[in-house]
Amino acid sequence: LVDLAMSLRRALARAASAVSSTSRPSADATFPRGVPAATASRQRRWYSPLDDVNVYGKDATQVIDTYTPRGFVVGGVEYRGSVFLYQELSLLWSVNELRDVTPESLLAARAVTPPPALLIVGTGKTLEPLPRETLDAFRNCDTALEVLDTPNAIATFNILVQEGRSVAAAMIHPGYSQQ
């Protein structure tokens, strides 16, 4: 998956530079990363603003781009339905409604190594409390639980990932429909 993302990143960089670059830089110009333009032109590679984009956030951790009527877009890939995310791991999550959130459905959060410091659960369109048994299961473990409506859970997850925090997300799709 990381190789695919890197290939995609290189392809996007080539496409963006082909579209946005109409003239060659001068030989004494320096790219933002300190590579002289003359060296870059000999290698037939142009600098692109996309070179500084990391679709996986800090330390190869991915962020949620958006959600669609069918699922979530994570690192440019659409996952249909609900998702579980932790570092570079993306899984479809078989939960469609809040009542399906059980300790067993959140087992992935306790099975990964190292365990996340925080698990954010997106409950769909509106903020709803998790079932009591699910809250009790996380009461005495190393992972704290944060429950938010899914749009706010996405924003919180992305911010914490960009800060380099150890965070996982279990997101119920708002308005989930099997299509």
N, C-alpha and C. Protein backbone atom coordinates (compact mmCIF):
# COMPACT_ATOMS: atom_id res chain seq x y z
N LEU A 1 0.83 -1.19 0.00
CA LEU A 1 0.00 0.00 0.00
C LEU A 1 0.87 1.25 0.00
N VAL A 2 1.96 1.21 0.75
CA VAL A 2 2.85 2.37 0.78
C VAL A 2 3.49 2.56 -0.58
N ASP A 3 3.89 1.45 -1.26
CA ASP A 3 4.46 1.56 -2.60
C ASP A 3 3.46 2.16 -3.58
N LEU A 4 2.20 1.75 -3.47
CA LEU A 4 1.15 2.29 -4.33
C LEU A 4 0.98 3.77 -4.07
N ALA A 5 1.00 4.18 -2.82
CA ALA A 5 0.85 5.60 -2.49
C ALA A 5 2.02 6.40 -3.03
N MET A 6 3.22 5.88 -2.90
CA MET A 6 4.39 6.59 -3.41
C MET A 6 4.33 6.71 -4.93
N SER A 7 3.90 5.65 -5.62
CA SER A 7 3.77 5.70 -7.07
C SER A 7 2.72 6.72 -7.47
N LEU A 8 1.61 6.73 -6.76
CA LEU A 8 0.56 7.70 -7.02
C LEU A 8 1.07 9.11 -6.79
N ARG A 9 1.82 9.31 -5.74
CA ARG A 9 2.38 10.63 -5.42
C ARG A 9 3.31 11.10 -6.54
N ARG A 10 4.17 10.19 -7.03
CA ARG A 10 5.08 10.55 -8.11
C ARG A 10 4.30 10.89 -9.38
N ALA A 11 3.27 10.10 -9.69
CA ALA A 11 2.46 10.35 -10.89
C ALA A 11 1.74 11.69 -10.78
N LEU A 12 1.19 11.99 -9.60
CA LEU A 12 0.52 13.28 -9.41
C LEU A 12 1.51 14.43 -9.53
N ALA A 13 2.71 14.24 -9.01
CA ALA A 13 3.73 15.28 -9.10
C ALA A 13 4.11 15.54 -10.55
N ARG A 14 4.27 14.47 -11.34
CA ARG A 14 4.60 14.62 -12.76
C ARG A 14 3.46 15.33 -13.49
N ALA A 15 2.23 14.94 -13.22
CA ALA A 15 1.09 15.55 -13.89
C ALA A 15 0.94 17.02 -13.51
N ALA A 16 1.11 17.33 -12.24
CA ALA A 16 0.97 18.71 -11.79
C ALA A 16 2.08 19.59 -12.37
N SER A 17 3.29 19.06 -12.43
CA SER A 17 4.38 19.87 -12.95
C SER A 17 4.24 20.04 -14.46
N ALA A 18 3.71 19.05 -15.16
CA ALA A 18 3.51 19.18 -16.60
C ALA A 18 2.45 20.23 -16.90
N VAL A 19 1.44 20.31 -16.07
CA VAL A 19 0.37 21.28 -16.28
C VAL A 19 0.79 22.67 -15.85
N SER A 20 1.44 22.79 -14.69
CA SER A 20 1.74 24.10 -14.14
C SER A 20 3.05 24.71 -14.63
N SER A 21 3.94 23.92 -15.17
CA SER A 21 5.25 24.43 -15.59
C SER A 21 5.26 24.61 -17.10
N THR A 22 5.26 25.87 -17.52
CA THR A 22 5.30 26.13 -18.95
C THR A 22 6.69 26.56 -19.40
N SER A 23 7.54 26.97 -18.48
CA SER A 23 8.89 27.37 -18.85
C SER A 23 9.88 26.68 -17.92
N ARG A 24 11.10 26.56 -18.41
CA ARG A 24 12.14 25.92 -17.61
C ARG A 24 12.71 26.93 -16.63
N PRO A 25 13.07 26.50 -15.43
CA PRO A 25 13.70 27.42 -14.49
C PRO A 25 15.11 27.76 -14.94
N SER A 26 15.61 28.90 -14.50
CA SER A 26 16.97 29.28 -14.86
C SER A 26 17.96 28.32 -14.21
N ALA A 27 19.15 28.24 -14.76
CA ALA A 27 20.16 27.29 -14.27
C ALA A 27 20.62 27.61 -12.86
N ASP A 28 20.51 28.88 -12.44
CA ASP A 28 20.95 29.23 -11.10
C ASP A 28 19.80 29.22 -10.08
N ALA A 29 18.61 28.84 -10.51
CA ALA A 29 17.47 28.77 -9.58
C ALA A 29 17.66 27.58 -8.64
N THR A 30 17.10 27.67 -7.46
CA THR A 30 17.17 26.59 -6.48
C THR A 30 15.75 26.20 -6.08
N PHE A 31 15.51 24.92 -6.05
CA PHE A 31 14.21 24.42 -5.65
C PHE A 31 14.10 24.50 -4.13
N PRO A 32 12.85 24.48 -3.60
CA PRO A 32 12.67 24.58 -2.14
C PRO A 32 13.43 23.53 -1.35
N ARG A 33 13.68 22.40 -1.91
CA ARG A 33 14.42 21.37 -1.18
C ARG A 33 15.92 21.51 -1.36
N GLY A 34 16.36 22.59 -2.00
CA GLY A 34 17.79 22.85 -2.13
C GLY A 34 18.43 22.19 -3.33
N VAL A 35 17.65 21.64 -4.26
CA VAL A 35 18.20 21.00 -5.45
C VAL A 35 18.31 22.06 -6.54
N PRO A 36 19.51 22.31 -7.06
CA PRO A 36 19.64 23.30 -8.13
C PRO A 36 18.81 22.90 -9.34
N ALA A 37 18.24 23.90 -10.01
CA ALA A 37 17.38 23.64 -11.16
C ALA A 37 18.13 22.93 -12.27
N ALA A 38 19.41 23.30 -12.47
CA ALA A 38 20.19 22.65 -13.53
C ALA A 38 20.31 21.16 -13.27
N THR A 39 20.52 20.77 -12.02
CA THR A 39 20.60 19.36 -11.67
C THR A 39 19.26 18.68 -11.90
N ALA A 40 18.20 19.35 -11.48
CA ALA A 40 16.86 18.77 -11.64
C ALA A 40 16.51 18.62 -13.10
N SER A 41 16.89 19.59 -13.96
CA SER A 41 16.53 19.49 -15.37
C SER A 41 17.34 18.39 -16.04
N ARG A 42 18.59 18.13 -15.59
CA ARG A 42 19.36 17.02 -16.15
C ARG A 42 18.70 15.70 -15.82
N GLN A 43 18.05 15.64 -14.64
CA GLN A 43 17.36 14.42 -14.26
C GLN A 43 15.96 14.38 -14.84
N ARG A 44 15.58 15.42 -15.60
CA ARG A 44 14.26 15.53 -16.23
C ARG A 44 13.15 15.44 -15.19
N ARG A 45 13.36 16.08 -14.07
CA ARG A 45 12.34 16.09 -13.01
C ARG A 45 12.13 17.52 -12.57
N TRP A 46 10.89 17.90 -12.48
CA TRP A 46 10.54 19.24 -12.04
C TRP A 46 10.02 19.17 -10.63
N TYR A 47 10.25 20.24 -9.87
CA TYR A 47 9.69 20.32 -8.53
C TYR A 47 8.20 20.60 -8.63
N SER A 48 7.43 19.97 -7.79
CA SER A 48 6.00 20.21 -7.73
C SER A 48 5.61 20.49 -6.28
N PRO A 49 4.62 21.33 -6.06
CA PRO A 49 4.13 21.52 -4.69
C PRO A 49 3.64 20.22 -4.07
N LEU A 50 3.26 19.25 -4.89
CA LEU A 50 2.82 17.97 -4.36
C LEU A 50 3.95 17.16 -3.75
N ASP A 51 5.21 17.54 -4.03
CA ASP A 51 6.34 16.84 -3.43
C ASP A 51 6.34 16.97 -1.91
N ASP A 52 5.77 18.06 -1.41
CA ASP A 52 5.74 18.29 0.03
C ASP A 52 4.49 17.74 0.69
N VAL A 53 3.61 17.14 -0.08
CA VAL A 53 2.36 16.60 0.47
C VAL A 53 2.61 15.19 0.96
N ASN A 54 2.20 14.91 2.17
CA ASN A 54 2.29 13.57 2.72
C ASN A 54 0.88 13.08 2.98
N VAL A 55 0.36 12.22 2.08
CA VAL A 55 -1.03 11.77 2.21
C VAL A 55 -1.24 10.92 3.44
N TYR A 56 -0.17 10.47 4.08
CA TYR A 56 -0.29 9.64 5.26
C TYR A 56 -0.07 10.41 6.56
N GLY A 57 0.06 11.72 6.50
CA GLY A 57 0.28 12.48 7.73
C GLY A 57 1.69 12.23 8.25
N LYS A 58 1.89 12.50 9.52
CA LYS A 58 3.21 12.35 10.12
C LYS A 58 3.51 10.88 10.38
N ASP A 59 4.73 10.46 10.07
CA ASP A 59 5.20 9.09 10.30
C ASP A 59 4.33 8.05 9.61
N ALA A 60 3.95 8.30 8.36
CA ALA A 60 3.19 7.36 7.53
C ALA A 60 1.84 6.99 8.14
N THR A 61 1.21 7.92 8.81
CA THR A 61 -0.13 7.70 9.33
C THR A 61 -1.10 8.40 8.41
N GLN A 62 -2.13 7.72 8.00
CA GLN A 62 -3.05 8.28 7.02
C GLN A 62 -4.13 9.14 7.65
N VAL A 63 -4.69 10.02 6.84
CA VAL A 63 -5.77 10.89 7.27
C VAL A 63 -7.00 10.60 6.42
N ILE A 64 -8.15 11.02 6.93
CA ILE A 64 -9.41 10.85 6.20
C ILE A 64 -9.62 12.11 5.36
N ASP A 65 -9.67 11.93 4.05
CA ASP A 65 -9.85 13.07 3.15
C ASP A 65 -11.27 13.62 3.25
N THR A 66 -12.26 12.73 3.17
CA THR A 66 -13.66 13.13 3.20
C THR A 66 -14.51 11.87 3.33
N TYR A 67 -15.81 12.06 3.34
CA TYR A 67 -16.69 10.92 3.18
C TYR A 67 -17.66 11.21 2.05
N THR A 68 -18.10 10.16 1.40
CA THR A 68 -18.99 10.25 0.25
C THR A 68 -20.31 9.60 0.63
N PRO A 69 -21.29 9.61 -0.26
CA PRO A 69 -22.55 8.92 0.07
C PRO A 69 -22.37 7.41 0.31
N ARG A 70 -21.25 6.85 -0.15
CA ARG A 70 -21.04 5.40 -0.01
C ARG A 70 -20.01 5.02 1.03
N GLY A 71 -19.11 5.91 1.39
CA GLY A 71 -18.04 5.51 2.31
C GLY A 71 -17.10 6.65 2.62
N PHE A 72 -15.85 6.29 2.95
CA PHE A 72 -14.83 7.26 3.35
C PHE A 72 -13.70 7.24 2.34
N VAL A 73 -13.11 8.39 2.09
CA VAL A 73 -11.92 8.49 1.25
C VAL A 73 -10.73 8.68 2.18
N VAL A 74 -9.83 7.70 2.18
CA VAL A 74 -8.66 7.70 3.06
C VAL A 74 -7.42 7.62 2.18
N GLY A 75 -6.60 8.67 2.23
CA GLY A 75 -5.40 8.68 1.41
C GLY A 75 -5.69 8.54 -0.07
N GLY A 76 -6.82 9.08 -0.53
CA GLY A 76 -7.19 9.02 -1.94
C GLY A 76 -7.91 7.75 -2.36
N VAL A 77 -8.13 6.83 -1.45
CA VAL A 77 -8.80 5.57 -1.75
C VAL A 77 -10.16 5.54 -1.05
N GLU A 78 -11.21 5.22 -1.81
CA GLU A 78 -12.54 5.17 -1.21
C GLU A 78 -12.82 3.79 -0.64
N TYR A 79 -13.22 3.77 0.62
CA TYR A 79 -13.63 2.55 1.30
C TYR A 79 -15.14 2.63 1.47
N ARG A 80 -15.86 1.66 0.93
CA ARG A 80 -17.32 1.69 1.00
C ARG A 80 -17.79 1.15 2.33
N GLY A 81 -18.46 1.99 3.09
CA GLY A 81 -18.98 1.60 4.39
C GLY A 81 -18.18 2.22 5.52
N SER A 82 -18.32 1.67 6.69
CA SER A 82 -17.63 2.16 7.88
C SER A 82 -16.19 1.67 7.88
N VAL A 83 -15.30 2.41 8.58
CA VAL A 83 -13.87 2.08 8.55
C VAL A 83 -13.26 2.11 9.95
N PHE A 84 -12.16 1.36 10.09
CA PHE A 84 -11.28 1.41 11.26
C PHE A 84 -9.91 1.80 10.75
N LEU A 85 -9.29 2.80 11.37
CA LEU A 85 -7.99 3.30 10.93
C LEU A 85 -7.02 3.38 12.10
N TYR A 86 -5.79 2.96 11.85
CA TYR A 86 -4.71 3.13 12.83
C TYR A 86 -3.39 3.12 12.09
N GLN A 87 -2.62 4.17 12.24
CA GLN A 87 -1.36 4.36 11.53
C GLN A 87 -1.57 4.09 10.05
N GLU A 88 -0.87 3.13 9.45
CA GLU A 88 -1.05 2.88 8.03
C GLU A 88 -2.10 1.79 7.75
N LEU A 89 -2.79 1.35 8.76
CA LEU A 89 -3.80 0.29 8.64
C LEU A 89 -5.18 0.87 8.35
N SER A 90 -5.82 0.40 7.29
CA SER A 90 -7.20 0.78 6.96
C SER A 90 -8.01 -0.49 6.80
N LEU A 91 -9.08 -0.59 7.56
CA LEU A 91 -9.94 -1.77 7.49
C LEU A 91 -11.38 -1.35 7.31
N LEU A 92 -12.12 -2.12 6.51
CA LEU A 92 -13.56 -1.93 6.50
C LEU A 92 -14.08 -2.45 7.82
N TRP A 93 -15.02 -1.76 8.39
CA TRP A 93 -15.55 -2.09 9.70
C TRP A 93 -16.99 -2.52 9.51
N SER A 94 -17.35 -3.68 10.00
CA SER A 94 -18.66 -4.26 9.73
C SER A 94 -19.77 -3.69 10.61
N VAL A 95 -19.62 -2.46 11.03
CA VAL A 95 -20.63 -1.81 11.87
C VAL A 95 -21.40 -0.80 11.03
N ASN A 96 -22.72 -0.94 11.03
CA ASN A 96 -23.55 -0.02 10.26
C ASN A 96 -24.39 0.88 11.14
N GLU A 97 -24.60 0.48 12.37
CA GLU A 97 -25.43 1.24 13.31
C GLU A 97 -24.75 1.25 14.67
N LEU A 98 -25.16 2.20 15.48
CA LEU A 98 -24.55 2.35 16.80
C LEU A 98 -24.73 1.11 17.67
N ARG A 99 -25.85 0.45 17.55
CA ARG A 99 -26.08 -0.73 18.39
C ARG A 99 -25.13 -1.88 18.03
N ASP A 100 -24.49 -1.80 16.86
CA ASP A 100 -23.52 -2.83 16.45
C ASP A 100 -22.14 -2.60 17.06
N VAL A 101 -21.92 -1.46 17.71
CA VAL A 101 -20.62 -1.17 18.33
C VAL A 101 -20.55 -1.93 19.65
N THR A 102 -19.76 -2.99 19.64
CA THR A 102 -19.60 -3.85 20.80
C THR A 102 -18.11 -3.95 21.13
N PRO A 103 -17.78 -4.49 22.28
CA PRO A 103 -16.35 -4.70 22.56
C PRO A 103 -15.68 -5.57 21.49
N GLU A 104 -16.41 -6.53 20.95
CA GLU A 104 -15.85 -7.40 19.91
C GLU A 104 -15.61 -6.63 18.61
N SER A 105 -16.51 -5.70 18.28
CA SER A 105 -16.34 -4.94 17.04
C SER A 105 -15.16 -3.97 17.13
N LEU A 106 -14.75 -3.62 18.34
CA LEU A 106 -13.62 -2.73 18.54
C LEU A 106 -12.35 -3.48 18.96
N LEU A 107 -12.35 -4.77 18.76
CA LEU A 107 -11.21 -5.60 19.15
C LEU A 107 -9.92 -5.17 18.45
N ALA A 108 -10.02 -4.67 17.23
CA ALA A 108 -8.82 -4.25 16.50
C ALA A 108 -8.05 -3.18 17.26
N ALA A 109 -8.76 -2.31 17.97
CA ALA A 109 -8.09 -1.24 18.73
C ALA A 109 -7.23 -1.79 19.86
N ARG A 110 -7.61 -2.95 20.38
CA ARG A 110 -6.82 -3.54 21.46
C ARG A 110 -5.85 -4.58 20.95
N ALA A 111 -5.98 -4.98 19.67
CA ALA A 111 -5.12 -6.01 19.11
C ALA A 111 -3.86 -5.45 18.45
N VAL A 112 -3.89 -4.18 18.05
CA VAL A 112 -2.73 -3.61 17.35
C VAL A 112 -1.61 -3.29 18.34
N THR A 113 -0.39 -3.31 17.81
CA THR A 113 0.78 -3.03 18.62
C THR A 113 1.55 -1.89 17.99
N PRO A 114 1.90 -0.87 18.71
CA PRO A 114 1.49 -0.57 20.07
C PRO A 114 0.03 -0.12 20.10
N PRO A 115 -0.64 -0.31 21.21
CA PRO A 115 -2.04 0.11 21.27
C PRO A 115 -2.15 1.63 21.19
N PRO A 116 -3.19 2.12 20.52
CA PRO A 116 -3.33 3.58 20.44
C PRO A 116 -3.63 4.18 21.81
N ALA A 117 -3.17 5.39 22.02
CA ALA A 117 -3.47 6.09 23.27
C ALA A 117 -4.93 6.53 23.29
N LEU A 118 -5.52 6.73 22.09
CA LEU A 118 -6.88 7.22 21.99
C LEU A 118 -7.59 6.53 20.84
N LEU A 119 -8.80 6.11 21.07
CA LEU A 119 -9.67 5.57 20.02
C LEU A 119 -10.84 6.53 19.88
N ILE A 120 -10.98 7.11 18.69
CA ILE A 120 -12.10 8.00 18.40
C ILE A 120 -13.17 7.19 17.68
N VAL A 121 -14.38 7.20 18.23
CA VAL A 121 -15.50 6.49 17.61
C VAL A 121 -16.45 7.53 17.04
N GLY A 122 -16.64 7.49 15.72
CA GLY A 122 -17.61 8.36 15.05
C GLY A 122 -18.95 7.64 15.02
N THR A 123 -19.98 8.24 15.61
CA THR A 123 -21.27 7.56 15.80
C THR A 123 -22.28 7.81 14.67
N GLY A 124 -21.86 8.42 13.58
CA GLY A 124 -22.79 8.71 12.49
C GLY A 124 -23.10 10.19 12.43
N LYS A 125 -24.30 10.53 11.94
CA LYS A 125 -24.68 11.93 11.78
C LYS A 125 -24.75 12.69 13.10
N THR A 126 -25.21 12.01 14.13
CA THR A 126 -25.40 12.69 15.42
C THR A 126 -24.59 11.98 16.51
N LEU A 127 -24.29 12.73 17.54
CA LEU A 127 -23.58 12.17 18.68
C LEU A 127 -24.56 11.34 19.51
N GLU A 128 -24.22 10.10 19.70
CA GLU A 128 -25.03 9.18 20.50
C GLU A 128 -24.10 8.46 21.47
N PRO A 129 -24.60 8.09 22.64
CA PRO A 129 -23.74 7.36 23.58
C PRO A 129 -23.53 5.92 23.12
N LEU A 130 -22.34 5.41 23.42
CA LEU A 130 -22.05 4.00 23.10
C LEU A 130 -22.78 3.11 24.10
N PRO A 131 -23.03 1.86 23.71
CA PRO A 131 -23.63 0.91 24.66
C PRO A 131 -22.77 0.76 25.91
N ARG A 132 -23.39 0.56 27.05
CA ARG A 132 -22.71 0.48 28.35
C ARG A 132 -21.62 -0.59 28.35
N GLU A 133 -21.89 -1.75 27.78
CA GLU A 133 -20.88 -2.84 27.78
C GLU A 133 -19.62 -2.44 27.02
N THR A 134 -19.77 -1.64 25.98
CA THR A 134 -18.61 -1.17 25.21
C THR A 134 -17.78 -0.20 26.05
N LEU A 135 -18.44 0.72 26.72
CA LEU A 135 -17.72 1.66 27.58
C LEU A 135 -17.00 0.94 28.71
N ASP A 136 -17.67 -0.06 29.31
CA ASP A 136 -17.06 -0.82 30.40
C ASP A 136 -15.83 -1.59 29.94
N ALA A 137 -15.85 -2.08 28.71
CA ALA A 137 -14.71 -2.84 28.18
C ALA A 137 -13.46 -1.98 28.06
N PHE A 138 -13.64 -0.68 27.83
CA PHE A 138 -12.49 0.21 27.67
C PHE A 138 -12.13 0.96 28.95
N ARG A 139 -12.87 0.73 30.01
CA ARG A 139 -12.65 1.45 31.25
C ARG A 139 -11.26 1.17 31.85
N ASN A 140 -10.79 -0.05 31.80
CA ASN A 140 -9.52 -0.42 32.44
C ASN A 140 -8.47 -0.84 31.43
N CYS A 141 -8.39 -0.18 30.30
CA CYS A 141 -7.34 -0.54 29.34
C CYS A 141 -6.51 0.70 29.02
N ASP A 142 -5.44 0.51 28.26
CA ASP A 142 -4.50 1.59 27.96
C ASP A 142 -5.04 2.59 26.95
N THR A 143 -6.10 2.26 26.26
CA THR A 143 -6.65 3.11 25.21
C THR A 143 -7.86 3.88 25.73
N ALA A 144 -7.76 5.20 25.67
CA ALA A 144 -8.90 6.05 26.06
C ALA A 144 -9.90 6.09 24.91
N LEU A 145 -11.13 6.33 25.22
CA LEU A 145 -12.21 6.32 24.25
C LEU A 145 -12.81 7.71 24.14
N GLU A 146 -12.95 8.21 22.92
CA GLU A 146 -13.60 9.50 22.66
C GLU A 146 -14.73 9.25 21.68
N VAL A 147 -15.93 9.68 22.01
CA VAL A 147 -17.11 9.45 21.18
C VAL A 147 -17.60 10.78 20.64
N LEU A 148 -17.69 10.87 19.31
CA LEU A 148 -18.13 12.09 18.63
C LEU A 148 -19.02 11.72 17.45
N ASP A 149 -19.79 12.68 16.95
CA ASP A 149 -20.47 12.43 15.68
C ASP A 149 -19.39 12.32 14.61
N THR A 150 -19.67 11.60 13.54
CA THR A 150 -18.62 11.27 12.57
C THR A 150 -17.96 12.49 11.93
N PRO A 151 -18.68 13.52 11.49
CA PRO A 151 -17.95 14.66 10.91
C PRO A 151 -16.95 15.29 11.87
N ASN A 152 -17.30 15.46 13.13
CA ASN A 152 -16.36 16.01 14.10
C ASN A 152 -15.27 15.00 14.45
N ALA A 153 -15.60 13.72 14.44
CA ALA A 153 -14.60 12.68 14.70
C ALA A 153 -13.53 12.68 13.61
N ILE A 154 -13.93 12.89 12.37
CA ILE A 154 -12.97 12.96 11.26
C ILE A 154 -12.01 14.12 11.48
N ALA A 155 -12.54 15.28 11.78
CA ALA A 155 -11.69 16.46 11.98
C ALA A 155 -10.73 16.25 13.15
N THR A 156 -11.24 15.73 14.25
CA THR A 156 -10.39 15.49 15.43
C THR A 156 -9.31 14.47 15.12
N PHE A 157 -9.68 13.38 14.47
CA PHE A 157 -8.71 12.35 14.09
C PHE A 157 -7.60 12.94 13.22
N ASN A 158 -7.97 13.70 12.18
CA ASN A 158 -6.97 14.26 11.27
C ASN A 158 -6.02 15.21 11.98
N ILE A 159 -6.54 16.04 12.87
CA ILE A 159 -5.68 16.97 13.61
C ILE A 159 -4.70 16.21 14.49
N LEU A 160 -5.19 15.21 15.21
CA LEU A 160 -4.32 14.45 16.11
C LEU A 160 -3.27 13.66 15.33
N VAL A 161 -3.64 13.14 14.17
CA VAL A 161 -2.67 12.43 13.32
C VAL A 161 -1.58 13.39 12.87
N GLN A 162 -1.96 14.59 12.43
CA GLN A 162 -0.98 15.56 11.98
C GLN A 162 -0.06 16.02 13.10
N GLU A 163 -0.55 15.96 14.33
CA GLU A 163 0.29 16.29 15.48
C GLU A 163 1.19 15.14 15.88
N GLY A 164 1.02 13.98 15.27
CA GLY A 164 1.86 12.83 15.58
C GLY A 164 1.39 12.02 16.77
N ARG A 165 0.14 12.21 17.18
CA ARG A 165 -0.39 11.48 18.34
C ARG A 165 -0.75 10.05 17.95
N SER A 166 -0.75 9.17 18.93
CA SER A 166 -1.12 7.77 18.74
C SER A 166 -2.64 7.67 18.85
N VAL A 167 -3.30 7.65 17.70
CA VAL A 167 -4.76 7.69 17.68
C VAL A 167 -5.29 6.71 16.63
N ALA A 168 -6.37 6.06 16.97
CA ALA A 168 -7.08 5.18 16.04
C ALA A 168 -8.49 5.74 15.86
N ALA A 169 -9.15 5.32 14.79
CA ALA A 169 -10.51 5.79 14.53
C ALA A 169 -11.38 4.63 14.09
N ALA A 170 -12.59 4.61 14.63
CA ALA A 170 -13.62 3.67 14.19
C ALA A 170 -14.80 4.54 13.80
N MET A 171 -15.08 4.62 12.50
CA MET A 171 -16.06 5.57 11.99
C MET A 171 -17.27 4.87 11.38
N ILE A 172 -18.44 5.15 11.95
CA ILE A 172 -19.70 4.72 11.33
C ILE A 172 -20.04 5.77 10.29
N HIS A 173 -20.36 5.31 9.10
CA HIS A 173 -20.68 6.24 8.03
C HIS A 173 -21.97 6.98 8.35
N PRO A 174 -21.97 8.32 8.24
CA PRO A 174 -23.22 9.05 8.46
C PRO A 174 -24.16 8.80 7.29
N GLY A 175 -25.33 8.34 7.57
CA GLY A 175 -26.28 8.05 6.50
C GLY A 175 -25.87 6.83 5.70
N TYR A 176 -25.33 5.83 6.36
CA TYR A 176 -24.86 4.62 5.70
C TYR A 176 -25.97 3.98 4.89
N SER A 177 -25.64 3.63 3.66
CA SER A 177 -26.59 2.86 2.84
C SER A 177 -25.79 1.85 2.03
N GLN A 178 -26.28 0.66 1.93
CA GLN A 178 -25.61 -0.43 1.22
C GLN A 178 -25.85 -0.24 -0.27
N GLN A 179 -24.82 0.24 -1.02
CA GLN A 179 -24.96 0.47 -2.46
C GLN A 179 -23.90 -0.28 -3.21
